[in-house]
Amino acid sequence: MTDANSNNGNLNMNNEKGLKILVVTECFWPDIYAVNDIVEKLVQKGHRVTVLTGLPDYTTTRIPPEYKHGKNRHQNYKGADVYRVPTIARRHGPIFRSLSYLSFAFNGKFRALTQDFKHTDVWGKTSEDADFDVIYVWEVSPVTMAVPAIALKKRYHKPLFLYCMDIWPECVKAMSIKEGTLPYRMIHAWTKRIYKACDHIAVSSEPFFEYLQRVNGIGREKMSYLPQYADAGLLSLDTKKTPDGRTDFLFIGNIGKAQNVDCLIRAMSVFKGRNDVTLHMVGGGSAYEDTVALVKELSLEDQVIFYGPKPFKEAVAFYTKADACVLTLDGSTRIGDTLPGKLQTYMAAGKTILAAANGAASDIIGKAQCGKCVTAGDDVAYGQALLDFADNKDKYADCGDKGRDFFRDNFMEDQHFETLIDKLREMSGK
């Protein structure tokens, strides 16, 4: 078994006996996902964690050589046991992405039905230590990553908690599958069965309540609100940029269809010919190459710089170089109701936020008074918002502080984990 900074713990900070949590997620380290930090923090708080996941492929869209041919199928990450099942690399396009999703669903289910998950290294193999308390699914797309968790629930009769950050079947529309078609109806039927098999669903965005209830028939009593958190360490950092006569916008995070970065790039056209404005794009994703191509098509190479994905510690340095952070979401479907984790991070970093989004992101920016938000997909209005900021920074001088204040009241890490653990204890009877 390989190790990535093992750090086991047995008791949490309140001297309560730690839970034994079986995490199921297709997405995990060494790819960069928020679930990596959740697993690490759960271990640090005295809970014992085992992870069932697939093979990493997000950064490069290919399976790395060190994970091919059965290698590194059992690892240790920050004190958590990690078991990997074979998956098909996502590569590019909806066909390979669908095959990747299905490979984890079916191979994960097979592992769930055949491996002994009552006796894993991290929570012991004696009769006293054996068994686990609860199953936790970290659900971004696809929702089918919960299929192995449902098999585990039925096999071991354990409660199943799903943390919902993407709503299905809405998300399949981003794969050009239209509502009403046979593929959509089939996915919808499967999605409803998956959500209904969960004992509790925590949503990261409040508009998800209405969607899950109306579209998938999930009772409101079965759901709760659990917003994502960001690293509170950003609150104490001095991220104010030294004035230099330039304007630097920063985008950090996934570059996919749901993020609608085309709107951002087209909005940047208002600065064509200017040499005092730069958009820094930190991240990768399924739309990365198309976004690079759009920059070239619009002749914005002097205004837009791409850095690729960066680990959190490296990404933090970009905040001190930025005057404002930017955020876009697709507004053509309910996917735009998502409250993206980058919004909380931007707030914690104390940056003005300029967005083109609907739903929860627009609501939060308005409540916090931490920037400006225009309608999703309106690149003309967004361009004018970016231009207004670049030419009138004094108007936005207190936005960063207001964002941090709202973050402290709503998105602190301790609040997230206190709510999460209370619910897991309630579900497991511990």
Protein backbone atom coordinates (compact mmCIF):
# COMPACT_ATOMS: atom_id res chain seq x y z
CA MET A 1 0.00 0.00 0.00
CA THR A 2 1.39 3.43 -0.94
CA ASP A 3 1.12 6.36 1.43
CA ALA A 4 0.41 10.09 1.08
CA ASN A 5 1.17 11.64 4.48
CA SER A 6 -0.55 9.16 6.77
CA ASN A 7 -2.01 10.88 9.86
CA ASN A 8 -4.39 8.63 11.75
CA GLY A 9 -6.50 9.78 14.66
CA ASN A 10 -9.00 8.05 16.94
CA LEU A 11 -10.72 10.74 19.01
CA ASN A 12 -12.24 14.00 17.87
CA MET A 13 -11.81 17.39 19.53
CA ASN A 14 -14.85 16.89 21.80
CA ASN A 15 -13.54 13.55 23.12
CA GLU A 16 -16.42 11.80 21.38
CA LYS A 17 -15.67 8.53 19.71
CA GLY A 18 -14.87 9.13 16.08
CA LEU A 19 -17.15 7.85 13.36
CA LYS A 20 -16.10 5.28 10.79
CA ILE A 21 -17.05 6.82 7.46
CA LEU A 22 -16.99 5.09 4.09
CA VAL A 23 -16.59 7.77 1.43
CA VAL A 24 -17.65 6.97 -2.13
CA THR A 25 -16.57 9.36 -4.89
CA GLU A 26 -15.41 8.93 -8.45
CA CYS A 27 -13.27 12.06 -8.03
CA PHE A 28 -10.29 12.03 -5.67
CA TRP A 29 -6.60 12.73 -5.11
CA PRO A 30 -4.19 13.11 -6.85
CA ASP A 31 -6.66 15.10 -8.95
CA ILE A 32 -7.53 18.41 -7.31
CA TYR A 33 -10.97 18.25 -5.72
CA ALA A 34 -12.57 19.67 -2.57
CA VAL A 35 -13.30 16.14 -1.35
CA ASN A 36 -9.56 15.67 -0.77
CA ASP A 37 -9.67 18.34 1.91
CA ILE A 38 -12.91 16.97 3.37
CA VAL A 39 -11.33 13.54 3.82
CA GLU A 40 -8.19 15.03 5.33
CA LYS A 41 -10.18 17.19 7.78
CA LEU A 42 -12.40 14.28 8.83
CA VAL A 43 -9.29 12.28 9.73
CA GLN A 44 -7.81 15.25 11.59
CA LYS A 45 -11.02 15.54 13.60
CA GLY A 46 -10.65 11.96 14.80
CA HIS A 47 -12.85 10.07 12.37
CA ARG A 48 -11.68 6.98 10.52
CA VAL A 49 -12.18 7.15 6.80
CA THR A 50 -12.06 4.65 3.96
CA VAL A 51 -12.47 5.89 0.38
CA LEU A 52 -13.81 3.95 -2.60
CA THR A 53 -12.84 5.80 -5.78
CA GLY A 54 -11.70 5.48 -9.38
CA LEU A 55 -8.47 6.24 -11.19
CA PRO A 56 -7.25 9.84 -11.55
CA ASP A 57 -7.73 11.33 -15.00
CA TYR A 58 -9.09 14.83 -14.56
CA THR A 59 -5.93 16.88 -15.01
CA THR A 60 -4.70 15.17 -18.18
CA THR A 61 -7.90 13.33 -19.30
CA ARG A 62 -5.75 10.17 -19.36
CA ILE A 63 -4.90 7.58 -16.71
CA PRO A 64 -1.35 8.32 -15.45
CA PRO A 65 1.21 5.51 -16.01
CA GLU A 66 1.61 4.99 -12.27
CA TYR A 67 -2.05 3.90 -12.07
CA LYS A 68 -2.15 1.59 -15.08
CA HIS A 69 -1.93 -2.21 -15.08
CA GLY A 70 -3.30 -2.63 -11.57
CA LYS A 71 -0.80 -0.32 -9.87
CA ASN A 72 -1.66 1.78 -6.80
CA ARG A 73 -5.07 0.24 -6.24
CA HIS A 74 -4.70 0.51 -2.44
CA GLN A 75 -3.19 3.68 -1.02
CA ASN A 76 -3.18 5.81 2.11
CA TYR A 77 -4.13 9.48 1.84
CA LYS A 78 -3.64 11.63 4.94
CA GLY A 79 -4.58 8.68 7.14
CA ALA A 80 -7.50 7.42 5.05
CA ASP A 81 -7.61 4.04 3.31
CA VAL A 82 -8.09 4.50 -0.44
CA TYR A 83 -9.33 1.66 -2.67
CA ARG A 84 -9.44 2.26 -6.42
CA VAL A 85 -11.44 0.49 -9.09
CA PRO A 86 -10.50 0.50 -12.79
CA THR A 87 -12.14 3.25 -14.81
CA ILE A 88 -12.06 4.38 -18.43
CA ALA A 89 -10.24 7.68 -18.97
CA ARG A 90 -12.58 10.58 -19.71
CA ARG A 91 -10.50 11.91 -22.62
CA HIS A 92 -12.63 14.34 -24.64
CA GLY A 93 -16.24 14.45 -25.70
CA PRO A 94 -19.50 13.05 -24.27
CA ILE A 95 -18.93 9.45 -25.39
CA PHE A 96 -15.74 8.88 -23.43
CA ARG A 97 -17.06 10.90 -20.51
CA SER A 98 -20.14 8.68 -20.39
CA LEU A 99 -17.97 5.56 -20.56
CA SER A 100 -15.87 6.92 -17.70
CA TYR A 101 -18.98 7.52 -15.60
CA LEU A 102 -20.40 4.07 -16.32
CA SER A 103 -17.11 2.30 -15.67
CA PHE A 104 -16.98 3.65 -12.13
CA ALA A 105 -20.65 2.90 -11.50
CA PHE A 106 -20.37 -0.75 -12.56
CA ASN A 107 -16.81 -1.53 -11.40
CA GLY A 108 -17.46 0.30 -8.16
CA LYS A 109 -20.66 -1.69 -7.61
CA PHE A 110 -18.82 -4.95 -8.26
CA ARG A 111 -16.17 -3.97 -5.69
CA ALA A 112 -18.87 -2.91 -3.23
CA LEU A 113 -20.42 -6.38 -3.50
CA THR A 114 -17.19 -8.39 -3.32
CA GLN A 115 -14.66 -6.58 -1.11
CA ASP A 116 -14.82 -6.82 2.67
CA PHE A 117 -15.50 -3.25 3.74
CA LYS A 118 -16.10 -4.21 7.37
CA HIS A 119 -12.40 -4.87 7.87
CA THR A 120 -10.20 -2.16 6.38
CA ASP A 121 -6.76 -1.16 7.61
CA VAL A 122 -7.81 2.26 8.83
CA TRP A 123 -10.53 1.13 11.23
CA GLY A 124 -9.10 -2.18 12.25
CA LYS A 125 -9.77 -5.85 11.69
CA THR A 126 -10.66 -7.03 15.18
CA SER A 127 -14.26 -7.81 16.06
CA GLU A 128 -14.40 -4.67 18.22
CA ASP A 129 -13.14 -2.32 15.50
CA ALA A 130 -14.70 -3.98 12.48
CA ASP A 131 -17.56 -2.46 10.51
CA PHE A 132 -18.34 1.16 9.65
CA ASP A 133 -21.06 3.59 10.68
CA VAL A 134 -22.20 5.54 7.65
CA ILE A 135 -21.68 5.96 3.89
CA TYR A 136 -20.89 9.45 2.55
CA VAL A 137 -21.14 10.22 -1.17
CA TRP A 138 -19.42 13.37 -2.45
CA GLU A 139 -21.53 13.97 -5.55
CA VAL A 140 -20.51 16.24 -8.32
CA SER A 141 -21.22 14.98 -11.82
CA PRO A 142 -22.09 12.23 -12.35
CA VAL A 143 -24.78 11.24 -9.87
CA THR A 144 -24.10 7.64 -10.93
CA MET A 145 -21.08 7.69 -8.62
CA ALA A 146 -23.62 6.90 -5.92
CA VAL A 147 -24.38 3.49 -7.49
CA PRO A 148 -21.59 1.68 -5.55
CA ALA A 149 -22.76 3.42 -2.38
CA ILE A 150 -26.29 2.10 -2.86
CA ALA A 151 -24.88 -1.42 -3.23
CA LEU A 152 -22.91 -0.91 0.00
CA LYS A 153 -26.03 0.36 1.76
CA LYS A 154 -28.03 -2.70 0.77
CA ARG A 155 -25.22 -5.13 1.54
CA TYR A 156 -24.32 -3.74 4.97
CA HIS A 157 -27.62 -2.03 5.94
CA LYS A 158 -25.90 1.29 6.60
CA PRO A 159 -27.34 4.81 6.22
CA LEU A 160 -26.42 6.66 3.03
CA PHE A 161 -25.69 10.40 3.05
CA LEU A 162 -25.27 12.19 -0.28
CA TYR A 163 -23.69 15.64 -0.57
CA CYS A 164 -25.21 17.09 -3.75
CA MET A 165 -23.26 19.75 -5.64
CA ASP A 166 -24.58 18.99 -9.14
CA ILE A 167 -28.24 18.36 -9.94
CA TRP A 168 -29.24 15.54 -12.26
CA PRO A 169 -30.64 14.99 -14.82
CA GLU A 170 -30.16 18.72 -15.47
CA CYS A 171 -26.41 18.29 -15.88
CA VAL A 172 -26.75 15.96 -18.85
CA LYS A 173 -28.00 18.90 -20.88
CA ALA A 174 -24.41 20.14 -20.85
CA MET A 175 -23.58 16.96 -22.79
CA SER A 176 -26.00 17.99 -25.56
CA ILE A 177 -28.65 15.50 -24.43
CA LYS A 178 -31.96 17.30 -24.81
CA GLU A 179 -34.87 17.05 -22.42
CA GLY A 180 -37.61 14.76 -23.70
CA THR A 181 -35.33 12.52 -25.74
CA LEU A 182 -35.12 8.79 -24.98
CA PRO A 183 -31.57 9.04 -23.51
CA TYR A 184 -32.69 11.91 -21.27
CA ARG A 185 -35.76 10.01 -20.06
CA MET A 186 -33.66 6.92 -19.31
CA ILE A 187 -31.10 8.96 -17.37
CA HIS A 188 -33.90 10.76 -15.54
CA ALA A 189 -35.47 7.47 -14.43
CA TRP A 190 -32.10 6.18 -13.21
CA THR A 191 -31.39 9.47 -11.45
CA LYS A 192 -34.69 9.37 -9.54
CA ARG A 193 -33.93 5.86 -8.29
CA ILE A 194 -30.47 6.95 -7.14
CA TYR A 195 -31.66 9.99 -5.22
CA LYS A 196 -34.55 8.09 -3.65
CA ALA A 197 -32.18 5.34 -2.46
CA CYS A 198 -30.32 7.87 -0.31
CA ASP A 199 -31.35 8.30 3.31
CA HIS A 200 -30.43 11.98 3.36
CA ILE A 201 -29.36 14.53 0.75
CA ALA A 202 -27.51 17.69 1.73
CA VAL A 203 -27.54 20.34 -0.99
CA SER A 204 -24.82 22.92 -1.50
CA SER A 205 -27.20 25.43 -3.10
CA GLU A 206 -30.65 26.36 -1.82
CA PRO A 207 -32.35 26.42 -5.27
CA PHE A 208 -31.58 22.68 -5.44
CA PHE A 209 -34.40 22.03 -2.95
CA GLU A 210 -37.10 23.01 -5.42
CA TYR A 211 -35.47 21.19 -8.33
CA LEU A 212 -34.95 17.88 -6.52
CA GLN A 213 -38.45 17.98 -5.09
CA ARG A 214 -40.20 18.90 -8.35
CA VAL A 215 -38.12 16.93 -10.85
CA ASN A 216 -37.04 13.88 -8.83
CA GLY A 217 -39.78 13.64 -6.21
CA ILE A 218 -37.48 14.00 -3.19
CA GLY A 219 -39.32 15.09 -0.05
CA ARG A 220 -38.15 18.31 1.58
CA GLU A 221 -37.84 16.52 4.93
CA LYS A 222 -35.16 14.32 3.40
CA MET A 223 -32.95 17.28 2.48
CA SER A 224 -30.89 19.93 4.26
CA TYR A 225 -28.70 22.88 3.29
CA LEU A 226 -24.95 22.46 3.66
CA PRO A 227 -22.97 25.11 1.75
CA GLN A 228 -19.41 24.40 0.74
CA TYR A 229 -16.65 25.99 2.77
CA ALA A 230 -13.33 27.52 1.81
CA ASP A 231 -10.00 27.68 3.57
CA ALA A 232 -10.44 30.21 6.37
CA GLY A 233 -6.68 30.76 6.29
CA LEU A 234 -7.33 33.10 3.38
CA LEU A 235 -9.13 35.44 5.78
CA SER A 236 -5.91 36.29 7.57
CA LEU A 237 -3.84 36.85 4.44
CA ASP A 238 -3.12 40.32 3.16
CA THR A 239 -4.18 39.83 -0.44
CA LYS A 240 -4.52 43.48 -1.38
CA LYS A 241 -2.72 44.16 -4.58
CA THR A 242 -0.18 46.96 -4.71
CA PRO A 243 -1.53 49.54 -7.20
CA ASP A 244 0.48 49.43 -10.40
CA GLY A 245 -1.73 51.19 -12.91
CA ARG A 246 -2.95 47.86 -14.30
CA THR A 247 -6.11 45.78 -13.86
CA ASP A 248 -5.71 42.07 -13.21
CA PHE A 249 -8.74 39.77 -13.21
CA LEU A 250 -8.45 36.25 -11.79
CA PHE A 251 -10.39 33.09 -12.61
CA ILE A 252 -9.56 30.00 -10.53
CA GLY A 253 -11.26 26.63 -10.89
CA ASN A 254 -12.85 24.23 -13.33
CA ILE A 255 -13.08 25.28 -16.98
CA GLY A 256 -16.04 23.29 -18.26
CA LYS A 257 -19.29 23.83 -20.11
CA ALA A 258 -21.20 24.54 -16.92
CA GLN A 259 -18.82 27.41 -16.15
CA ASN A 260 -19.65 29.07 -19.49
CA VAL A 261 -16.22 30.67 -19.72
CA ASP A 262 -17.01 31.62 -23.31
CA CYS A 263 -19.04 34.47 -21.83
CA LEU A 264 -16.00 35.64 -19.87
CA ILE A 265 -13.64 35.48 -22.83
CA ARG A 266 -16.06 37.33 -25.11
CA ALA A 267 -16.57 39.96 -22.42
CA MET A 268 -12.81 40.52 -22.34
CA SER A 269 -13.08 41.79 -25.94
CA VAL A 270 -13.84 45.24 -24.51
CA PHE A 271 -10.14 45.44 -23.63
CA LYS A 272 -8.82 44.47 -27.05
CA GLY A 273 -5.96 46.79 -27.91
CA ARG A 274 -5.31 47.75 -24.27
CA ASN A 275 -2.12 46.64 -22.58
CA ASP A 276 -3.15 47.49 -19.02
CA VAL A 277 -5.72 44.72 -18.43
CA THR A 278 -5.05 40.99 -18.01
CA LEU A 279 -7.26 38.00 -17.25
CA HIS A 280 -5.39 35.20 -15.44
CA MET A 281 -7.00 31.77 -15.97
CA VAL A 282 -5.92 29.19 -13.37
CA GLY A 283 -7.47 25.75 -13.83
CA GLY A 284 -8.34 23.06 -16.34
CA GLY A 285 -11.29 21.03 -17.49
CA SER A 286 -13.29 19.69 -20.38
CA ALA A 287 -13.60 23.10 -22.07
CA TYR A 288 -9.98 24.15 -21.56
CA GLU A 289 -8.79 23.59 -25.12
CA ASP A 290 -11.91 25.18 -26.62
CA THR A 291 -11.36 28.21 -24.40
CA VAL A 292 -7.75 28.58 -25.52
CA ALA A 293 -8.95 28.35 -29.13
CA LEU A 294 -11.58 31.06 -28.53
CA VAL A 295 -8.92 33.41 -27.13
CA LYS A 296 -6.91 32.95 -30.31
CA GLU A 297 -9.99 33.37 -32.50
CA LEU A 298 -10.79 36.70 -30.83
CA SER A 299 -7.11 37.79 -30.86
CA LEU A 300 -7.04 38.20 -27.08
CA GLU A 301 -3.70 36.49 -26.45
CA ASP A 302 -2.32 39.75 -24.98
CA GLN A 303 -5.22 40.02 -22.54
CA VAL A 304 -5.69 36.39 -21.40
CA ILE A 305 -3.06 34.12 -19.84
CA PHE A 306 -3.58 30.41 -19.07
CA TYR A 307 -1.69 28.66 -16.25
CA GLY A 308 -3.38 25.25 -16.12
CA PRO A 309 -4.47 23.55 -12.87
CA LYS A 310 -2.57 24.49 -9.73
CA PRO A 311 -2.61 22.99 -6.21
CA PHE A 312 -4.29 25.21 -3.64
CA LYS A 313 -1.03 26.36 -2.06
CA GLU A 314 0.25 27.57 -5.41
CA ALA A 315 -3.07 29.08 -6.44
CA VAL A 316 -3.20 31.28 -3.32
CA ALA A 317 -0.31 33.38 -4.62
CA PHE A 318 -2.45 34.53 -7.54
CA TYR A 319 -4.84 36.40 -5.23
CA THR A 320 -2.20 38.94 -4.29
CA LYS A 321 -1.78 39.75 -7.98
CA ALA A 322 -5.49 40.24 -8.64
CA ASP A 323 -7.65 43.32 -8.41
CA ALA A 324 -10.88 41.32 -8.76
CA CYS A 325 -12.06 37.74 -9.24
CA VAL A 326 -14.41 36.66 -12.00
CA LEU A 327 -17.08 33.97 -12.14
CA THR A 328 -19.40 32.78 -14.89
CA LEU A 329 -22.05 30.05 -15.01
CA ASP A 330 -24.29 28.63 -17.69
CA GLY A 331 -27.73 30.21 -17.53
CA SER A 332 -29.47 28.12 -20.18
CA THR A 333 -30.36 25.35 -17.72
CA ARG A 334 -30.87 24.92 -13.98
CA ILE A 335 -27.17 24.04 -13.73
CA GLY A 336 -26.72 27.75 -13.19
CA ASP A 337 -28.47 27.44 -9.81
CA THR A 338 -25.24 25.98 -8.46
CA LEU A 339 -23.38 27.86 -5.74
CA PRO A 340 -19.81 27.18 -6.92
CA GLY A 341 -17.12 26.63 -4.31
CA LYS A 342 -14.92 29.24 -5.96
CA LEU A 343 -17.36 31.95 -4.82
CA GLN A 344 -16.63 31.20 -1.16
CA THR A 345 -12.90 31.10 -1.88
CA TYR A 346 -13.05 34.45 -3.64
CA MET A 347 -14.89 35.88 -0.62
CA ALA A 348 -12.38 34.51 1.85
CA ALA A 349 -9.57 36.00 -0.22
CA GLY A 350 -11.18 39.43 0.18
CA LYS A 351 -11.61 40.12 -3.51
CA THR A 352 -14.26 42.04 -5.41
CA ILE A 353 -16.34 39.50 -7.36
CA LEU A 354 -17.58 40.25 -10.86
CA ALA A 355 -19.95 37.59 -12.15
CA ALA A 356 -22.30 36.61 -14.93
CA ALA A 357 -24.59 34.14 -13.21
CA ASN A 358 -28.14 33.44 -12.08
CA GLY A 359 -29.51 31.52 -9.11
CA ALA A 360 -27.63 31.14 -5.85
CA ALA A 361 -24.43 32.86 -6.98
CA SER A 362 -26.32 36.00 -7.99
CA ASP A 363 -28.30 35.94 -4.73
CA ILE A 364 -25.21 35.61 -2.55
CA ILE A 365 -23.27 38.37 -4.33
CA GLY A 366 -26.28 40.63 -3.94
CA LYS A 367 -26.75 39.84 -0.24
CA ALA A 368 -23.06 40.23 0.53
CA GLN A 369 -22.69 43.39 -1.59
CA CYS A 370 -19.27 42.08 -2.56
CA GLY A 371 -19.25 42.99 -6.24
CA LYS A 372 -21.48 43.02 -9.29
CA CYS A 373 -23.44 40.29 -11.05
CA VAL A 374 -25.12 40.43 -14.46
CA THR A 375 -27.39 37.90 -16.14
CA ALA A 376 -25.69 34.62 -17.04
CA GLY A 377 -24.50 34.47 -20.63
CA ASP A 378 -24.81 38.22 -21.30
CA ASP A 379 -21.25 38.87 -22.46
CA VAL A 380 -22.10 42.45 -23.51
CA ALA A 381 -23.35 43.42 -20.05
CA TYR A 382 -20.50 41.48 -18.46
CA GLY A 383 -17.94 43.28 -20.59
CA GLN A 384 -19.37 46.59 -19.43
CA ALA A 385 -19.18 45.43 -15.80
CA LEU A 386 -15.52 44.48 -16.21
CA LEU A 387 -14.84 47.78 -17.96
CA ASP A 388 -16.57 49.74 -15.21
CA PHE A 389 -14.42 48.05 -12.59
CA ALA A 390 -11.19 48.61 -14.51
CA ASP A 391 -11.92 52.32 -14.93
CA ASN A 392 -13.56 52.98 -11.55
CA LYS A 393 -11.90 50.78 -8.92
CA ASP A 394 -12.73 53.22 -6.13
CA LYS A 395 -16.43 52.33 -6.48
CA TYR A 396 -15.59 48.78 -5.39
CA ALA A 397 -13.13 49.57 -2.61
CA ASP A 398 -15.13 47.95 0.22
CA CYS A 399 -16.40 44.90 -1.68
CA GLY A 400 -13.57 42.64 -0.52
CA ASP A 401 -14.19 43.40 3.16
CA LYS A 402 -17.93 42.85 2.76
CA GLY A 403 -17.29 39.50 1.12
CA ARG A 404 -15.08 38.41 4.00
CA ASP A 405 -17.71 39.47 6.54
CA PHE A 406 -20.36 37.41 4.74
CA PHE A 407 -18.00 34.46 4.53
CA ARG A 408 -17.38 34.54 8.30
CA ASP A 409 -21.11 34.47 8.94
CA ASN A 410 -22.00 31.72 6.48
CA PHE A 411 -19.14 29.66 5.03
CA MET A 412 -16.68 28.82 7.78
CA GLU A 413 -15.12 25.36 7.81
CA ASP A 414 -16.11 24.69 11.42
CA GLN A 415 -19.77 25.40 10.61
CA HIS A 416 -19.68 22.95 7.71
CA PHE A 417 -18.14 20.08 9.65
CA GLU A 418 -20.23 20.63 12.78
CA THR A 419 -23.40 20.40 10.68
CA LEU A 420 -22.08 17.43 8.70
CA ILE A 421 -20.92 15.36 11.67
CA ASP A 422 -24.12 16.06 13.63
CA LYS A 423 -26.15 14.70 10.73
CA LEU A 424 -23.90 11.65 10.26
CA ARG A 425 -24.09 10.87 13.97
CA GLU A 426 -27.86 11.22 13.90
CA MET A 427 -28.11 8.89 10.90
CA SER A 428 -25.80 6.28 12.38
CA GLY A 429 -27.19 6.42 15.89
CA LYS A 430 -23.77 7.31 17.28
